[in-house]
Amino acid sequence: MHPLGELTVSTASLDEWHQVEEWAAEEGWNPGRGDTAAFHPIDPAGFFVGRLEPGAAPISAISVANYSDQYAFLGYYMVQPDHRGQGLGLATWRAAFQHAGTRTVGLDAVPAQQATYKRAGFEAVYDTIRYTGRPRTGGGSARSGASAAPGTSTTSVTADHLDALAAYDRQCFPADRRAFLVRWLTADGHIARVHLRDGHIAGYGVIRPARDGHRIGPLFADTREAAEALFDSLTAGLGPEETVALDIPEPQRAAHDLAAARGLAPSSHTVRMYAGPAPSVGTARTYGVTSLELG
């Protein structure tokens, strides 16, 4: 028994998870302003909080969101600062992790926690680098007003794109996210663009307001040229002092080159880890992940 009481872990309400999102903001994670509303319905039973007394305010949290029968993603593993170092985080983890069952579980670990996750059975696969900065125009880009390549266009996402876009997303993410995409593409403040080549989807991206500036994610594209066109279209409406953040898998070297060319610089990194077989979906099209916290 903890000296202040016995930890009880239970499913978080939507209001409680909004508070957890504020914890993440206080930790400098810079979550998007509408992230909880979009992600929570994926698996409402997969968001957990711990408390020391019945009815008391939560002091720990973790999400284990099941995206499919084969894949889950773990995030928001946090304990309030004045309760750290007492084993409460590990107790929260143990109570919640069984929610994933036999699924492969992914997460993006801060480097300080990598050894902890490894002891829990996770293996590192690659680093993810966060780039931040004030985006600048690239030569030959849509943002600079240059003509697109023949047969290509970058345009706003509409309902007519949804089926094809969900199929494209499934090539880039380990599970079908159609219901999530309906929310993500149309949420308040979100701007979504699709890149077409000969009438077929060759990439798409979303920019959203965050606590500090904006975050781009996902940014999926067949080629660097398509990713550039999407990046420039997404950032075209930003003021000269506004900043963006983009989380890029380390193996996707063309994405790092794009970020640098647009004036962004590395600011932090996490480690993508999996418990169970790593998904077959690679990083070839991933110029920016949707969310470090929720996959």
C-alpha atoms as a PDB file:
ATOM      1  CA  MET A   1       0.000   0.000   0.000  1.00  0.00           C
ATOM      2  CA  HIS A   2       1.206   3.475  -0.913  1.00  0.00           C
ATOM      3  CA  PRO A   3       1.587   5.729   2.157  1.00  0.00           C
ATOM      4  CA  LEU A   4      -1.094   8.060   0.772  1.00  0.00           C
ATOM      5  CA  GLY A   5      -3.471   5.298  -0.245  1.00  0.00           C
ATOM      6  CA  GLU A   6      -3.814   2.394  -2.680  1.00  0.00           C
ATOM      7  CA  LEU A   7      -3.508   3.191  -6.392  1.00  0.00           C
ATOM      8  CA  THR A   8      -6.630   2.449  -8.389  1.00  0.00           C
ATOM      9  CA  VAL A   9      -6.394   2.453 -12.185  1.00  0.00           C
ATOM     10  CA  SER A  10      -9.583   2.948 -14.179  1.00  0.00           C
ATOM     11  CA  THR A  11     -10.760   4.013 -17.605  1.00  0.00           C
ATOM     12  CA  ALA A  12     -10.513   7.775 -18.045  1.00  0.00           C
ATOM     13  CA  SER A  13     -13.498   9.871 -18.942  1.00  0.00           C
ATOM     14  CA  LEU A  14     -13.197  12.267 -21.855  1.00  0.00           C
ATOM     15  CA  ASP A  15     -12.987  15.201 -19.423  1.00  0.00           C
ATOM     16  CA  GLU A  16     -10.240  13.474 -17.451  1.00  0.00           C
ATOM     17  CA  TRP A  17      -8.275  12.883 -20.627  1.00  0.00           C
ATOM     18  CA  HIS A  18      -8.512  16.525 -21.557  1.00  0.00           C
ATOM     19  CA  GLN A  19      -6.744  17.152 -18.251  1.00  0.00           C
ATOM     20  CA  VAL A  20      -4.086  14.571 -19.117  1.00  0.00           C
ATOM     21  CA  GLU A  21      -3.536  16.423 -22.386  1.00  0.00           C
ATOM     22  CA  GLU A  22      -2.877  19.542 -20.318  1.00  0.00           C
ATOM     23  CA  TRP A  23      -0.268  17.595 -18.333  1.00  0.00           C
ATOM     24  CA  ALA A  24       1.422  16.784 -21.649  1.00  0.00           C
ATOM     25  CA  ALA A  25       1.385  20.459 -22.575  1.00  0.00           C
ATOM     26  CA  GLU A  26       3.007  21.324 -19.246  1.00  0.00           C
ATOM     27  CA  GLU A  27       5.722  18.741 -19.977  1.00  0.00           C
ATOM     28  CA  GLY A  28       6.514  20.528 -23.252  1.00  0.00           C
ATOM     29  CA  TRP A  29       5.095  17.846 -25.542  1.00  0.00           C
ATOM     30  CA  ASN A  30       3.120  20.492 -27.443  1.00  0.00           C
ATOM     31  CA  PRO A  31      -0.004  18.433 -28.251  1.00  0.00           C
ATOM     32  CA  GLY A  32      -2.419  19.662 -30.871  1.00  0.00           C
ATOM     33  CA  ARG A  33      -5.342  21.604 -29.470  1.00  0.00           C
ATOM     34  CA  GLY A  34      -7.960  19.137 -30.702  1.00  0.00           C
ATOM     35  CA  ASP A  35      -6.038  15.897 -30.375  1.00  0.00           C
ATOM     36  CA  THR A  36      -8.104  14.319 -27.599  1.00  0.00           C
ATOM     37  CA  ALA A  37     -11.405  14.814 -29.415  1.00  0.00           C
ATOM     38  CA  ALA A  38     -10.016  13.096 -32.506  1.00  0.00           C
ATOM     39  CA  PHE A  39      -8.094  10.239 -30.882  1.00  0.00           C
ATOM     40  CA  HIS A  40     -10.229   9.262 -27.874  1.00  0.00           C
ATOM     41  CA  PRO A  41     -13.047   7.658 -29.945  1.00  0.00           C
ATOM     42  CA  ILE A  42     -10.543   5.234 -31.537  1.00  0.00           C
ATOM     43  CA  ASP A  43     -10.710   3.145 -28.354  1.00  0.00           C
ATOM     44  CA  PRO A  44     -12.424   4.900 -25.417  1.00  0.00           C
ATOM     45  CA  ALA A  45     -11.622   1.933 -23.167  1.00  0.00           C
ATOM     46  CA  GLY A  46      -7.895   2.356 -23.821  1.00  0.00           C
ATOM     47  CA  PHE A  47      -7.283   5.572 -21.872  1.00  0.00           C
ATOM     48  CA  PHE A  48      -6.431   5.100 -18.197  1.00  0.00           C
ATOM     49  CA  VAL A  49      -5.806   7.203 -15.104  1.00  0.00           C
ATOM     50  CA  GLY A  50      -4.610   6.252 -11.638  1.00  0.00           C
ATOM     51  CA  ARG A  51      -5.728   7.800  -8.361  1.00  0.00           C
ATOM     52  CA  LEU A  52      -4.813   7.208  -4.732  1.00  0.00           C
ATOM     53  CA  GLU A  53      -8.259   7.667  -3.224  1.00  0.00           C
ATOM     54  CA  PRO A  54     -11.767   7.083  -4.634  1.00  0.00           C
ATOM     55  CA  GLY A  55     -12.991  10.279  -6.199  1.00  0.00           C
ATOM     56  CA  ALA A  56      -9.582  11.956  -5.906  1.00  0.00           C
ATOM     57  CA  ALA A  57      -7.931  13.747  -8.802  1.00  0.00           C
ATOM     58  CA  PRO A  58      -5.860  11.492 -11.092  1.00  0.00           C
ATOM     59  CA  ILE A  59      -2.116  11.410 -10.482  1.00  0.00           C
ATOM     60  CA  SER A  60      -1.004   9.055 -13.297  1.00  0.00           C
ATOM     61  CA  ALA A  61      -2.050   8.253 -16.850  1.00  0.00           C
ATOM     62  CA  ILE A  62      -1.365   5.998 -19.817  1.00  0.00           C
ATOM     63  CA  SER A  63      -3.085   5.257 -23.118  1.00  0.00           C
ATOM     64  CA  VAL A  64      -3.110   1.847 -24.805  1.00  0.00           C
ATOM     65  CA  ALA A  65      -5.246   2.481 -27.869  1.00  0.00           C
ATOM     66  CA  ASN A  66      -6.208  -0.623 -29.850  1.00  0.00           C
ATOM     67  CA  TYR A  67      -6.339   0.292 -33.532  1.00  0.00           C
ATOM     68  CA  SER A  68      -7.117  -3.233 -34.754  1.00  0.00           C
ATOM     69  CA  ASP A  69      -6.968  -6.860 -33.662  1.00  0.00           C
ATOM     70  CA  GLN A  70      -3.241  -6.833 -34.468  1.00  0.00           C
ATOM     71  CA  TYR A  71      -1.980  -3.362 -33.492  1.00  0.00           C
ATOM     72  CA  ALA A  72      -2.081  -0.989 -30.534  1.00  0.00           C
ATOM     73  CA  PHE A  73      -0.187   2.157 -29.625  1.00  0.00           C
ATOM     74  CA  LEU A  74       0.954   3.233 -26.165  1.00  0.00           C
ATOM     75  CA  GLY A  75       1.393   6.837 -25.116  1.00  0.00           C
ATOM     76  CA  TYR A  76       0.814   9.512 -22.499  1.00  0.00           C
ATOM     77  CA  TYR A  77       2.721   7.505 -19.879  1.00  0.00           C
ATOM     78  CA  MET A  78       2.902  10.131 -17.133  1.00  0.00           C
ATOM     79  CA  VAL A  79       2.890  10.655 -13.394  1.00  0.00           C
ATOM     80  CA  GLN A  80       2.333  14.004 -11.771  1.00  0.00           C
ATOM     81  CA  PRO A  81       5.721  15.460 -10.707  1.00  0.00           C
ATOM     82  CA  ASP A  82       5.115  15.345  -6.954  1.00  0.00           C
ATOM     83  CA  HIS A  83       4.234  11.626  -7.122  1.00  0.00           C
ATOM     84  CA  ARG A  84       7.192  10.404  -9.173  1.00  0.00           C
ATOM     85  CA  GLY A  85       9.788   7.944  -7.942  1.00  0.00           C
ATOM     86  CA  GLN A  86       7.261   5.921  -5.924  1.00  0.00           C
ATOM     87  CA  GLY A  87       6.434   3.119  -8.368  1.00  0.00           C
ATOM     88  CA  LEU A  88       3.048   4.567  -9.315  1.00  0.00           C
ATOM     89  CA  GLY A  89       3.871   4.810 -13.003  1.00  0.00           C
ATOM     90  CA  LEU A  90       4.844   1.147 -13.181  1.00  0.00           C
ATOM     91  CA  ALA A  91       1.676   0.152 -11.317  1.00  0.00           C
ATOM     92  CA  THR A  92      -0.406   2.157 -13.793  1.00  0.00           C
ATOM     93  CA  TRP A  93       1.434   0.520 -16.704  1.00  0.00           C
ATOM     94  CA  ARG A  94       0.839  -3.004 -15.383  1.00  0.00           C
ATOM     95  CA  ALA A  95      -2.855  -2.413 -14.886  1.00  0.00           C
ATOM     96  CA  ALA A  96      -3.387  -0.862 -18.309  1.00  0.00           C
ATOM     97  CA  PHE A  97      -1.037  -2.812 -20.567  1.00  0.00           C
ATOM     98  CA  GLN A  98      -3.144  -5.961 -20.516  1.00  0.00           C
ATOM     99  CA  HIS A  99      -5.727  -4.007 -22.528  1.00  0.00           C
ATOM    100  CA  ALA A 100      -3.566  -4.623 -25.618  1.00  0.00           C
ATOM    101  CA  GLY A 101      -3.924  -8.392 -25.315  1.00  0.00           C
ATOM    102  CA  THR A 102      -1.718 -10.185 -27.860  1.00  0.00           C
ATOM    103  CA  ARG A 103      -1.405  -7.196 -30.197  1.00  0.00           C
ATOM    104  CA  THR A 104       1.878  -5.713 -31.315  1.00  0.00           C
ATOM    105  CA  VAL A 105       2.263  -2.469 -29.369  1.00  0.00           C
ATOM    106  CA  GLY A 106       4.151   0.557 -30.667  1.00  0.00           C
ATOM    107  CA  LEU A 107       5.353   3.624 -28.799  1.00  0.00           C
ATOM    108  CA  ASP A 108       7.648   6.618 -29.191  1.00  0.00           C
ATOM    109  CA  ALA A 109       9.971   6.723 -26.177  1.00  0.00           C
ATOM    110  CA  VAL A 110      11.790   9.726 -24.819  1.00  0.00           C
ATOM    111  CA  PRO A 111      15.450   8.670 -24.581  1.00  0.00           C
ATOM    112  CA  ALA A 112      15.422   8.721 -20.767  1.00  0.00           C
ATOM    113  CA  GLN A 113      12.720   6.012 -20.751  1.00  0.00           C
ATOM    114  CA  GLN A 114      14.156   3.770 -23.464  1.00  0.00           C
ATOM    115  CA  ALA A 115      15.784   1.360 -20.999  1.00  0.00           C
ATOM    116  CA  THR A 116      12.538   1.129 -19.024  1.00  0.00           C
ATOM    117  CA  TYR A 117      10.602   0.117 -22.114  1.00  0.00           C
ATOM    118  CA  LYS A 118      13.284  -2.352 -23.141  1.00  0.00           C
ATOM    119  CA  ARG A 119      12.895  -4.107 -19.791  1.00  0.00           C
ATOM    120  CA  ALA A 120       9.177  -4.347 -20.546  1.00  0.00           C
ATOM    121  CA  GLY A 121       9.870  -6.218 -23.784  1.00  0.00           C
ATOM    122  CA  PHE A 122      10.073  -3.374 -26.307  1.00  0.00           C
ATOM    123  CA  GLU A 123      12.779  -3.244 -28.975  1.00  0.00           C
ATOM    124  CA  ALA A 124      14.060  -0.057 -30.593  1.00  0.00           C
ATOM    125  CA  VAL A 125      13.594   0.179 -34.361  1.00  0.00           C
ATOM    126  CA  TYR A 126      14.544   3.743 -35.296  1.00  0.00           C
ATOM    127  CA  ASP A 127      14.713   7.290 -33.985  1.00  0.00           C
ATOM    128  CA  THR A 128      12.129   9.927 -34.821  1.00  0.00           C
ATOM    129  CA  ILE A 129      13.483  13.465 -35.100  1.00  0.00           C
ATOM    130  CA  ARG A 130      11.325  16.511 -34.368  1.00  0.00           C
ATOM    131  CA  TYR A 131      12.064  19.454 -36.643  1.00  0.00           C
ATOM    132  CA  THR A 132      10.776  22.895 -35.714  1.00  0.00           C
ATOM    133  CA  GLY A 133      11.061  26.409 -37.070  1.00  0.00           C
ATOM    134  CA  ARG A 134       9.517  29.107 -39.215  1.00  0.00           C
ATOM    135  CA  PRO A 135       8.981  27.540 -42.645  1.00  0.00           C
ATOM    136  CA  ARG A 136      10.423  29.275 -45.667  1.00  0.00           C
ATOM    137  CA  THR A 137       9.521  28.939 -49.310  1.00  0.00           C
ATOM    138  CA  GLY A 138      11.413  26.525 -51.513  1.00  0.00           C
ATOM    139  CA  GLY A 139      12.247  27.151 -55.131  1.00  0.00           C
ATOM    140  CA  GLY A 140       9.819  25.533 -57.530  1.00  0.00           C
ATOM    141  CA  SER A 141       7.250  24.963 -54.797  1.00  0.00           C
ATOM    142  CA  ALA A 142       3.522  25.436 -54.788  1.00  0.00           C
ATOM    143  CA  ARG A 143       3.996  28.059 -52.105  1.00  0.00           C
ATOM    144  CA  SER A 144       6.249  30.138 -54.336  1.00  0.00           C
ATOM    145  CA  GLY A 145       3.628  30.121 -57.048  1.00  0.00           C
ATOM    146  CA  ALA A 146       5.565  27.951 -59.518  1.00  0.00           C
ATOM    147  CA  SER A 147       3.661  25.584 -61.787  1.00  0.00           C
ATOM    148  CA  ALA A 148       3.135  22.030 -60.597  1.00  0.00           C
ATOM    149  CA  ALA A 149       4.565  19.126 -62.572  1.00  0.00           C
ATOM    150  CA  PRO A 150       2.373  18.010 -65.491  1.00  0.00           C
ATOM    151  CA  GLY A 151      -0.464  15.769 -64.342  1.00  0.00           C
ATOM    152  CA  THR A 152      -0.158  16.743 -60.666  1.00  0.00           C
ATOM    153  CA  SER A 153      -2.122  19.014 -58.370  1.00  0.00           C
ATOM    154  CA  THR A 154      -2.352  19.778 -54.654  1.00  0.00           C
ATOM    155  CA  THR A 155      -5.823  20.579 -53.430  1.00  0.00           C
ATOM    156  CA  SER A 156      -8.064  20.645 -50.371  1.00  0.00           C
ATOM    157  CA  VAL A 157      -9.388  17.297 -49.175  1.00  0.00           C
ATOM    158  CA  THR A 158     -13.095  16.788 -49.817  1.00  0.00           C
ATOM    159  CA  ALA A 159     -15.562  14.033 -48.979  1.00  0.00           C
ATOM    160  CA  ASP A 160     -15.028  12.646 -52.485  1.00  0.00           C
ATOM    161  CA  HIS A 161     -11.429  11.819 -51.573  1.00  0.00           C
ATOM    162  CA  LEU A 162     -12.203   9.923 -48.376  1.00  0.00           C
ATOM    163  CA  ASP A 163     -12.366   6.320 -49.609  1.00  0.00           C
ATOM    164  CA  ALA A 164      -9.207   6.585 -51.688  1.00  0.00           C
ATOM    165  CA  LEU A 165      -7.453   8.579 -48.975  1.00  0.00           C
ATOM    166  CA  ALA A 166      -8.280   5.971 -46.309  1.00  0.00           C
ATOM    167  CA  ALA A 167      -6.882   3.277 -48.595  1.00  0.00           C
ATOM    168  CA  TYR A 168      -3.722   5.335 -49.104  1.00  0.00           C
ATOM    169  CA  ASP A 169      -3.368   5.900 -45.351  1.00  0.00           C
ATOM    170  CA  ARG A 170      -3.579   2.152 -44.781  1.00  0.00           C
ATOM    171  CA  GLN A 171      -0.400   1.772 -46.879  1.00  0.00           C
ATOM    172  CA  CYS A 172       1.380   4.099 -44.447  1.00  0.00           C
ATOM    173  CA  PHE A 173      -0.076   3.080 -41.065  1.00  0.00           C
ATOM    174  CA  PRO A 174      -0.387  -0.432 -39.543  1.00  0.00           C
ATOM    175  CA  ALA A 175      -4.198  -0.357 -39.244  1.00  0.00           C
ATOM    176  CA  ASP A 176      -7.281   0.993 -40.967  1.00  0.00           C
ATOM    177  CA  ARG A 177      -8.014   4.515 -39.660  1.00  0.00           C
ATOM    178  CA  ARG A 178     -10.992   5.551 -41.775  1.00  0.00           C
ATOM    179  CA  ALA A 179     -13.220   6.593 -38.863  1.00  0.00           C
ATOM    180  CA  PHE A 180     -10.352   8.510 -37.266  1.00  0.00           C
ATOM    181  CA  LEU A 181      -9.566  10.267 -40.537  1.00  0.00           C
ATOM    182  CA  VAL A 182     -13.136  11.555 -40.818  1.00  0.00           C
ATOM    183  CA  ARG A 183     -12.543  13.414 -37.554  1.00  0.00           C
ATOM    184  CA  TRP A 184      -8.911  14.350 -38.178  1.00  0.00           C
ATOM    185  CA  LEU A 185      -9.427  15.844 -41.611  1.00  0.00           C
ATOM    186  CA  THR A 186     -12.355  18.028 -40.582  1.00  0.00           C
ATOM    187  CA  ALA A 187     -11.549  19.043 -36.992  1.00  0.00           C
ATOM    188  CA  ASP A 188     -11.640  22.724 -36.075  1.00  0.00           C
ATOM    189  CA  GLY A 189      -8.431  24.421 -37.122  1.00  0.00           C
ATOM    190  CA  HIS A 190      -7.178  21.457 -39.150  1.00  0.00           C
ATOM    191  CA  ILE A 191      -6.206  22.073 -42.779  1.00  0.00           C
ATOM    192  CA  ALA A 192      -5.936  18.985 -44.975  1.00  0.00           C
ATOM    193  CA  ARG A 193      -4.424  18.796 -48.454  1.00  0.00           C
ATOM    194  CA  VAL A 194      -4.171  15.939 -50.935  1.00  0.00           C
ATOM    195  CA  HIS A 195      -1.648  15.596 -53.743  1.00  0.00           C
ATOM    196  CA  LEU A 196      -2.942  14.025 -56.942  1.00  0.00           C
ATOM    197  CA  ARG A 197      -1.007  12.558 -59.844  1.00  0.00           C
ATOM    198  CA  ASP A 198      -3.062  11.724 -62.914  1.00  0.00           C
ATOM    199  CA  GLY A 199      -6.146  11.737 -60.709  1.00  0.00           C
ATOM    200  CA  HIS A 200      -4.744   9.283 -58.142  1.00  0.00           C
ATOM    201  CA  ILE A 201      -3.647  10.080 -54.597  1.00  0.00           C
ATOM    202  CA  ALA A 202       0.133  10.445 -54.319  1.00  0.00           C
ATOM    203  CA  GLY A 203       0.140  11.881 -50.801  1.00  0.00           C
ATOM    204  CA  TYR A 204      -1.739  13.880 -48.204  1.00  0.00           C
ATOM    205  CA  GLY A 205      -1.016  16.011 -45.176  1.00  0.00           C
ATOM    206  CA  VAL A 206      -2.683  17.839 -42.279  1.00  0.00           C
ATOM    207  CA  ILE A 207      -1.590  20.894 -40.291  1.00  0.00           C
ATOM    208  CA  ARG A 208      -3.199  21.717 -36.952  1.00  0.00           C
ATOM    209  CA  PRO A 209      -2.820  24.350 -34.237  1.00  0.00           C
ATOM    210  CA  ALA A 210      -0.781  23.276 -31.205  1.00  0.00           C
ATOM    211  CA  ARG A 211      -0.035  24.898 -27.864  1.00  0.00           C
ATOM    212  CA  ASP A 212       3.045  26.407 -29.508  1.00  0.00           C
ATOM    213  CA  GLY A 213       2.680  27.123 -33.207  1.00  0.00           C
ATOM    214  CA  HIS A 214       1.408  24.346 -35.472  1.00  0.00           C
ATOM    215  CA  ARG A 215       2.105  20.669 -35.984  1.00  0.00           C
ATOM    216  CA  ILE A 216       2.089  18.892 -39.334  1.00  0.00           C
ATOM    217  CA  GLY A 217       1.005  15.270 -39.272  1.00  0.00           C
ATOM    218  CA  PRO A 218       0.589  13.079 -40.984  1.00  0.00           C
ATOM    219  CA  LEU A 219       2.616  14.014 -44.037  1.00  0.00           C
ATOM    220  CA  PHE A 220       2.556  10.964 -46.296  1.00  0.00           C
ATOM    221  CA  ALA A 221       3.766  11.088 -49.890  1.00  0.00           C
ATOM    222  CA  ASP A 222       5.064   8.871 -52.676  1.00  0.00           C
ATOM    223  CA  THR A 223       7.937  11.214 -53.525  1.00  0.00           C
ATOM    224  CA  ARG A 224       9.837  14.152 -52.099  1.00  0.00           C
ATOM    225  CA  GLU A 225       8.287  16.357 -54.786  1.00  0.00           C
ATOM    226  CA  ALA A 226       4.792  15.430 -53.612  1.00  0.00           C
ATOM    227  CA  ALA A 227       5.804  16.002 -49.977  1.00  0.00           C
ATOM    228  CA  GLU A 228       7.253  19.412 -50.860  1.00  0.00           C
ATOM    229  CA  ALA A 229       4.073  20.448 -52.633  1.00  0.00           C
ATOM    230  CA  LEU A 230       1.995  19.355 -49.643  1.00  0.00           C
ATOM    231  CA  PHE A 231       4.269  21.025 -47.090  1.00  0.00           C
ATOM    232  CA  ASP A 232       4.207  24.295 -48.993  1.00  0.00           C
ATOM    233  CA  SER A 233       0.444  24.186 -49.436  1.00  0.00           C
ATOM    234  CA  LEU A 234      -0.118  23.431 -45.740  1.00  0.00           C
ATOM    235  CA  THR A 235       2.137  26.250 -44.554  1.00  0.00           C
ATOM    236  CA  ALA A 236       1.152  28.832 -47.169  1.00  0.00           C
ATOM    237  CA  GLY A 237      -1.335  30.550 -44.849  1.00  0.00           C
ATOM    238  CA  LEU A 238       1.032  30.952 -41.901  1.00  0.00           C
ATOM    239  CA  GLY A 239       2.367  34.315 -40.847  1.00  0.00           C
ATOM    240  CA  PRO A 240       6.121  35.006 -41.089  1.00  0.00           C
ATOM    241  CA  GLU A 241       6.650  34.491 -37.347  1.00  0.00           C
ATOM    242  CA  GLU A 242       4.559  31.326 -36.977  1.00  0.00           C
ATOM    243  CA  THR A 243       6.340  28.043 -36.315  1.00  0.00           C
ATOM    244  CA  VAL A 244       5.681  24.450 -37.259  1.00  0.00           C
ATOM    245  CA  ALA A 245       6.823  21.101 -35.867  1.00  0.00           C
ATOM    246  CA  LEU A 246       7.253  17.956 -37.945  1.00  0.00           C
ATOM    247  CA  ASP A 247       8.211  14.498 -36.579  1.00  0.00           C
ATOM    248  CA  ILE A 248      10.254  12.505 -39.093  1.00  0.00           C
ATOM    249  CA  PRO A 249      11.410   8.861 -38.917  1.00  0.00           C
ATOM    250  CA  GLU A 250      15.208   8.785 -39.103  1.00  0.00           C
ATOM    251  CA  PRO A 251      15.312   6.309 -42.043  1.00  0.00           C
ATOM    252  CA  GLN A 252      13.331   8.683 -44.289  1.00  0.00           C
ATOM    253  CA  ARG A 253      16.313  10.748 -45.404  1.00  0.00           C
ATOM    254  CA  ALA A 254      14.430  12.679 -48.096  1.00  0.00           C
ATOM    255  CA  ALA A 255      12.110  14.014 -45.390  1.00  0.00           C
ATOM    256  CA  HIS A 256      15.061  15.338 -43.378  1.00  0.00           C
ATOM    257  CA  ASP A 257      16.386  17.067 -46.478  1.00  0.00           C
ATOM    258  CA  LEU A 258      12.969  18.607 -47.096  1.00  0.00           C
ATOM    259  CA  ALA A 259      12.685  19.891 -43.539  1.00  0.00           C
ATOM    260  CA  ALA A 260      16.140  21.460 -43.685  1.00  0.00           C
ATOM    261  CA  ALA A 261      15.421  23.033 -47.082  1.00  0.00           C
ATOM    262  CA  ARG A 262      12.307  24.651 -45.630  1.00  0.00           C
ATOM    263  CA  GLY A 263      14.214  26.189 -42.720  1.00  0.00           C
ATOM    264  CA  LEU A 264      13.385  23.708 -39.948  1.00  0.00           C
ATOM    265  CA  ALA A 265      16.003  22.350 -37.556  1.00  0.00           C
ATOM    266  CA  PRO A 266      16.145  19.305 -35.258  1.00  0.00           C
ATOM    267  CA  SER A 267      14.888  20.151 -31.766  1.00  0.00           C
ATOM    268  CA  SER A 268      14.401  16.761 -30.040  1.00  0.00           C
ATOM    269  CA  HIS A 269      14.072  13.075 -30.751  1.00  0.00           C
ATOM    270  CA  THR A 270      12.217   9.987 -29.605  1.00  0.00           C
ATOM    271  CA  VAL A 271      12.747   6.277 -30.205  1.00  0.00           C
ATOM    272  CA  ARG A 272      10.157   4.160 -32.022  1.00  0.00           C
ATOM    273  CA  MET A 273       9.878   0.830 -30.228  1.00  0.00           C
ATOM    274  CA  TYR A 274       7.665  -2.236 -30.586  1.00  0.00           C
ATOM    275  CA  ALA A 275       6.654  -5.094 -28.325  1.00  0.00           C
ATOM    276  CA  GLY A 276       5.855  -7.956 -30.665  1.00  0.00           C
ATOM    277  CA  PRO A 277       6.573  -8.213 -34.391  1.00  0.00           C
ATOM    278  CA  ALA A 278       7.195  -4.823 -35.976  1.00  0.00           C
ATOM    279  CA  PRO A 279       4.491  -3.894 -38.504  1.00  0.00           C
ATOM    280  CA  SER A 280       5.294  -4.569 -42.150  1.00  0.00           C
ATOM    281  CA  VAL A 281       4.437  -0.971 -43.075  1.00  0.00           C
ATOM    282  CA  GLY A 282       7.715   0.857 -43.564  1.00  0.00           C
ATOM    283  CA  THR A 283       8.669   4.516 -43.483  1.00  0.00           C
ATOM    284  CA  ALA A 284       9.181   5.081 -47.222  1.00  0.00           C
ATOM    285  CA  ARG A 285       6.111   7.355 -47.523  1.00  0.00           C
ATOM    286  CA  THR A 286       6.302   8.870 -44.022  1.00  0.00           C
ATOM    287  CA  TYR A 287       7.554  12.455 -44.212  1.00  0.00           C
ATOM    288  CA  GLY A 288       5.833  13.200 -40.912  1.00  0.00           C
ATOM    289  CA  VAL A 289       4.023  11.012 -38.357  1.00  0.00           C
ATOM    290  CA  THR A 290       0.528  11.869 -37.153  1.00  0.00           C
ATOM    291  CA  SER A 291       1.262  12.021 -33.424  1.00  0.00           C
ATOM    292  CA  LEU A 292       4.091  10.834 -31.186  1.00  0.00           C
ATOM    293  CA  GLU A 293       1.582  10.325 -28.400  1.00  0.00           C
ATOM    294  CA  LEU A 294      -0.989   8.238 -30.280  1.00  0.00           C
ATOM    295  CA  GLY A 295       0.632   6.919 -33.445  1.00  0.00           C
END
